[in-house]
Amino acid sequence: MSGQSESAWDSFSNTIEKLHKRISQSKAVNVNATNLKDQAQEVVQVYFRQIHPELQSLGVDITLIAQVTESMQALFKLSKGTHSKKVYLGLLKPLIKSMMDVSGAIELRHAEREFLSRSSTSIIHVN
């Protein structure tokens, strides 16, 4: 993701980490707080409306996207009911790991595009 998109991914990742932190610091056994549930739902909406299409257009490996997508669907379902803090954290921890993998894939795609851009420029100068 370039320019603004990179900051969108970074912002999205930070939001997930903040949600994880807020839930882990919660004293309650179950996540019942409306603000936490609303935040989880907003995260899911941002993912499906903005982040997912950008990952696809960048060409991030579909299996990496699928891992995050599956977690987002599960997070949405959790946010619609009453579930334990442990269940949320059990979902968010691997989600954060998957997101780190996606961040690496984004960097790889940028490197590939830069290489192709420089290669085509070199070919033009050689001829």
C-alpha atoms as a PDB file:
ATOM      1  CA  MET A   1       0.000   0.000   0.000  1.00  0.00           C
ATOM      2  CA  SER A   2       1.518   3.259  -0.958  1.00  0.00           C
ATOM      3  CA  GLY A   3       1.442   6.669   0.677  1.00  0.00           C
ATOM      4  CA  GLN A   4      -1.937   7.142   2.259  1.00  0.00           C
ATOM      5  CA  SER A   5      -2.703   3.421   2.076  1.00  0.00           C
ATOM      6  CA  GLU A   6       0.363   2.579   4.147  1.00  0.00           C
ATOM      7  CA  SER A   7      -0.795   4.886   6.883  1.00  0.00           C
ATOM      8  CA  ALA A   8      -4.272   3.365   6.624  1.00  0.00           C
ATOM      9  CA  TRP A   9      -2.791  -0.105   7.205  1.00  0.00           C
ATOM     10  CA  ASP A  10      -0.626   1.164  10.057  1.00  0.00           C
ATOM     11  CA  SER A  11      -3.591   2.950  11.609  1.00  0.00           C
ATOM     12  CA  PHE A  12      -5.724  -0.162  11.249  1.00  0.00           C
ATOM     13  CA  SER A  13      -3.018  -2.312  12.861  1.00  0.00           C
ATOM     14  CA  ASN A  14      -2.695   0.151  15.733  1.00  0.00           C
ATOM     15  CA  THR A  15      -6.454   0.094  16.256  1.00  0.00           C
ATOM     16  CA  ILE A  16      -6.419  -3.708  16.538  1.00  0.00           C
ATOM     17  CA  GLU A  17      -3.571  -3.533  19.047  1.00  0.00           C
ATOM     18  CA  LYS A  18      -5.429  -0.896  21.084  1.00  0.00           C
ATOM     19  CA  LEU A  19      -8.568  -3.052  21.106  1.00  0.00           C
ATOM     20  CA  HIS A  20      -6.473  -6.005  22.289  1.00  0.00           C
ATOM     21  CA  LYS A  21      -4.950  -3.878  25.049  1.00  0.00           C
ATOM     22  CA  ARG A  22      -8.311  -2.462  26.191  1.00  0.00           C
ATOM     23  CA  ILE A  23      -9.862  -5.916  26.374  1.00  0.00           C
ATOM     24  CA  SER A  24      -6.878  -7.435  28.180  1.00  0.00           C
ATOM     25  CA  GLN A  25      -6.936  -4.596  30.731  1.00  0.00           C
ATOM     26  CA  SER A  26     -10.653  -5.013  31.344  1.00  0.00           C
ATOM     27  CA  LYS A  27     -11.498  -6.305  34.811  1.00  0.00           C
ATOM     28  CA  ALA A  28     -14.642  -8.081  33.598  1.00  0.00           C
ATOM     29  CA  VAL A  29     -14.770 -11.795  32.821  1.00  0.00           C
ATOM     30  CA  ASN A  30     -17.035 -11.162  29.814  1.00  0.00           C
ATOM     31  CA  VAL A  31     -16.776  -8.369  27.272  1.00  0.00           C
ATOM     32  CA  ASN A  32     -20.094  -6.650  27.866  1.00  0.00           C
ATOM     33  CA  ALA A  33     -19.060  -3.023  27.537  1.00  0.00           C
ATOM     34  CA  THR A  34     -20.901  -1.412  24.656  1.00  0.00           C
ATOM     35  CA  ASN A  35     -17.923   0.773  23.775  1.00  0.00           C
ATOM     36  CA  LEU A  36     -15.646  -2.280  23.355  1.00  0.00           C
ATOM     37  CA  LYS A  37     -18.224  -4.097  21.262  1.00  0.00           C
ATOM     38  CA  ASP A  38     -18.789  -0.973  19.153  1.00  0.00           C
ATOM     39  CA  GLN A  39     -15.040  -0.572  18.663  1.00  0.00           C
ATOM     40  CA  ALA A  40     -14.777  -4.197  17.520  1.00  0.00           C
ATOM     41  CA  GLN A  41     -17.614  -3.678  15.035  1.00  0.00           C
ATOM     42  CA  GLU A  42     -16.014  -0.483  13.694  1.00  0.00           C
ATOM     43  CA  VAL A  43     -12.707  -2.303  13.189  1.00  0.00           C
ATOM     44  CA  VAL A  44     -14.483  -4.986  11.168  1.00  0.00           C
ATOM     45  CA  GLN A  45     -16.275  -2.391   9.036  1.00  0.00           C
ATOM     46  CA  VAL A  46     -13.032  -0.566   8.262  1.00  0.00           C
ATOM     47  CA  TYR A  47     -11.401  -3.844   7.335  1.00  0.00           C
ATOM     48  CA  PHE A  48     -14.092  -4.949   4.887  1.00  0.00           C
ATOM     49  CA  ARG A  49     -14.831  -1.518   3.428  1.00  0.00           C
ATOM     50  CA  GLN A  50     -11.284  -0.161   3.080  1.00  0.00           C
ATOM     51  CA  ILE A  51      -8.430  -2.445   4.039  1.00  0.00           C
ATOM     52  CA  HIS A  52      -9.505  -5.705   2.370  1.00  0.00           C
ATOM     53  CA  PRO A  53      -9.982  -4.127  -1.089  1.00  0.00           C
ATOM     54  CA  GLU A  54      -6.617  -2.358  -0.793  1.00  0.00           C
ATOM     55  CA  LEU A  55      -4.837  -5.591   0.125  1.00  0.00           C
ATOM     56  CA  GLN A  56      -6.396  -7.267  -2.897  1.00  0.00           C
ATOM     57  CA  SER A  57      -5.456  -4.453  -5.259  1.00  0.00           C
ATOM     58  CA  LEU A  58      -1.886  -4.551  -4.003  1.00  0.00           C
ATOM     59  CA  GLY A  59      -1.726  -8.276  -4.723  1.00  0.00           C
ATOM     60  CA  VAL A  60      -1.091  -9.539  -1.195  1.00  0.00           C
ATOM     61  CA  ASP A  61      -1.237 -13.336  -1.097  1.00  0.00           C
ATOM     62  CA  ILE A  62      -4.854 -14.447  -0.860  1.00  0.00           C
ATOM     63  CA  THR A  63      -4.061 -16.923   1.935  1.00  0.00           C
ATOM     64  CA  LEU A  64      -2.754 -14.116   4.124  1.00  0.00           C
ATOM     65  CA  ILE A  65      -5.806 -12.010   3.359  1.00  0.00           C
ATOM     66  CA  ALA A  66      -8.040 -15.010   4.107  1.00  0.00           C
ATOM     67  CA  GLN A  67      -6.489 -15.456   7.563  1.00  0.00           C
ATOM     68  CA  VAL A  68      -7.261 -11.868   8.513  1.00  0.00           C
ATOM     69  CA  THR A  69     -10.703 -12.024   6.891  1.00  0.00           C
ATOM     70  CA  GLU A  70     -11.643 -15.136   8.847  1.00  0.00           C
ATOM     71  CA  SER A  71     -10.589 -13.472  12.096  1.00  0.00           C
ATOM     72  CA  MET A  72     -12.543 -10.329  11.214  1.00  0.00           C
ATOM     73  CA  GLN A  73     -15.689 -12.363  10.599  1.00  0.00           C
ATOM     74  CA  ALA A  74     -15.215 -14.105  13.952  1.00  0.00           C
ATOM     75  CA  LEU A  75     -14.620 -10.756  15.693  1.00  0.00           C
ATOM     76  CA  PHE A  76     -17.845  -9.409  14.228  1.00  0.00           C
ATOM     77  CA  LYS A  77     -19.791 -12.411  15.539  1.00  0.00           C
ATOM     78  CA  LEU A  78     -18.219 -12.018  18.979  1.00  0.00           C
ATOM     79  CA  SER A  79     -19.133  -8.336  19.096  1.00  0.00           C
ATOM     80  CA  LYS A  80     -22.803  -9.180  18.528  1.00  0.00           C
ATOM     81  CA  GLY A  81     -23.093 -11.291  21.681  1.00  0.00           C
ATOM     82  CA  THR A  82     -21.714 -11.763  25.159  1.00  0.00           C
ATOM     83  CA  HIS A  83     -18.451 -13.627  25.189  1.00  0.00           C
ATOM     84  CA  SER A  84     -15.607 -14.030  27.612  1.00  0.00           C
ATOM     85  CA  LYS A  85     -12.542 -11.870  27.612  1.00  0.00           C
ATOM     86  CA  LYS A  86     -10.545 -15.070  27.114  1.00  0.00           C
ATOM     87  CA  VAL A  87     -12.380 -15.825  23.835  1.00  0.00           C
ATOM     88  CA  TYR A  88     -11.691 -12.307  22.512  1.00  0.00           C
ATOM     89  CA  LEU A  89      -8.027 -12.483  23.450  1.00  0.00           C
ATOM     90  CA  GLY A  90      -7.780 -15.958  21.936  1.00  0.00           C
ATOM     91  CA  LEU A  91      -8.937 -14.446  18.658  1.00  0.00           C
ATOM     92  CA  LEU A  92      -6.977 -11.195  18.765  1.00  0.00           C
ATOM     93  CA  LYS A  93      -3.547 -12.668  19.522  1.00  0.00           C
ATOM     94  CA  PRO A  94      -3.343 -14.796  16.329  1.00  0.00           C
ATOM     95  CA  LEU A  95      -5.005 -11.969  14.382  1.00  0.00           C
ATOM     96  CA  ILE A  96      -2.177  -9.633  15.349  1.00  0.00           C
ATOM     97  CA  LYS A  97       0.334 -12.282  14.245  1.00  0.00           C
ATOM     98  CA  SER A  98      -1.446 -12.652  10.889  1.00  0.00           C
ATOM     99  CA  MET A  99      -1.406  -8.896  10.490  1.00  0.00           C
ATOM    100  CA  MET A 100       2.367  -8.843  11.013  1.00  0.00           C
ATOM    101  CA  ASP A 101       2.628 -11.413   8.217  1.00  0.00           C
ATOM    102  CA  VAL A 102       0.496  -9.163   5.997  1.00  0.00           C
ATOM    103  CA  SER A 103       2.737  -6.185   6.834  1.00  0.00           C
ATOM    104  CA  GLY A 104       5.712  -8.205   5.633  1.00  0.00           C
ATOM    105  CA  ALA A 105       3.848  -9.154   2.459  1.00  0.00           C
ATOM    106  CA  ILE A 106       3.017  -5.502   1.816  1.00  0.00           C
ATOM    107  CA  GLU A 107       6.700  -4.605   2.050  1.00  0.00           C
ATOM    108  CA  LEU A 108       7.586  -7.453  -0.297  1.00  0.00           C
ATOM    109  CA  ARG A 109       5.023  -6.244  -2.852  1.00  0.00           C
ATOM    110  CA  HIS A 110       6.510  -2.740  -2.664  1.00  0.00           C
ATOM    111  CA  ALA A 111       9.986  -4.153  -3.233  1.00  0.00           C
ATOM    112  CA  GLU A 112       8.741  -6.190  -6.213  1.00  0.00           C
ATOM    113  CA  ARG A 113       7.036  -3.176  -7.749  1.00  0.00           C
ATOM    114  CA  GLU A 114      10.108  -1.010  -7.215  1.00  0.00           C
ATOM    115  CA  PHE A 115      12.290  -3.670  -8.834  1.00  0.00           C
ATOM    116  CA  LEU A 116       9.970  -3.934 -11.831  1.00  0.00           C
ATOM    117  CA  SER A 117       9.835  -0.167 -12.134  1.00  0.00           C
ATOM    118  CA  ARG A 118      13.618   0.133 -12.088  1.00  0.00           C
ATOM    119  CA  SER A 119      14.019  -2.811 -14.459  1.00  0.00           C
ATOM    120  CA  SER A 120      11.719  -1.293 -17.060  1.00  0.00           C
ATOM    121  CA  THR A 121      13.513   2.048 -16.729  1.00  0.00           C
ATOM    122  CA  SER A 122      16.900   0.328 -17.212  1.00  0.00           C
ATOM    123  CA  ILE A 123      15.663  -1.469 -20.320  1.00  0.00           C
ATOM    124  CA  ILE A 124      14.496   1.803 -21.814  1.00  0.00           C
ATOM    125  CA  HIS A 125      17.887   3.484 -21.160  1.00  0.00           C
ATOM    126  CA  VAL A 126      19.878   0.557 -22.606  1.00  0.00           C
ATOM    127  CA  ASN A 127      18.094   0.640 -25.969  1.00  0.00           C
END
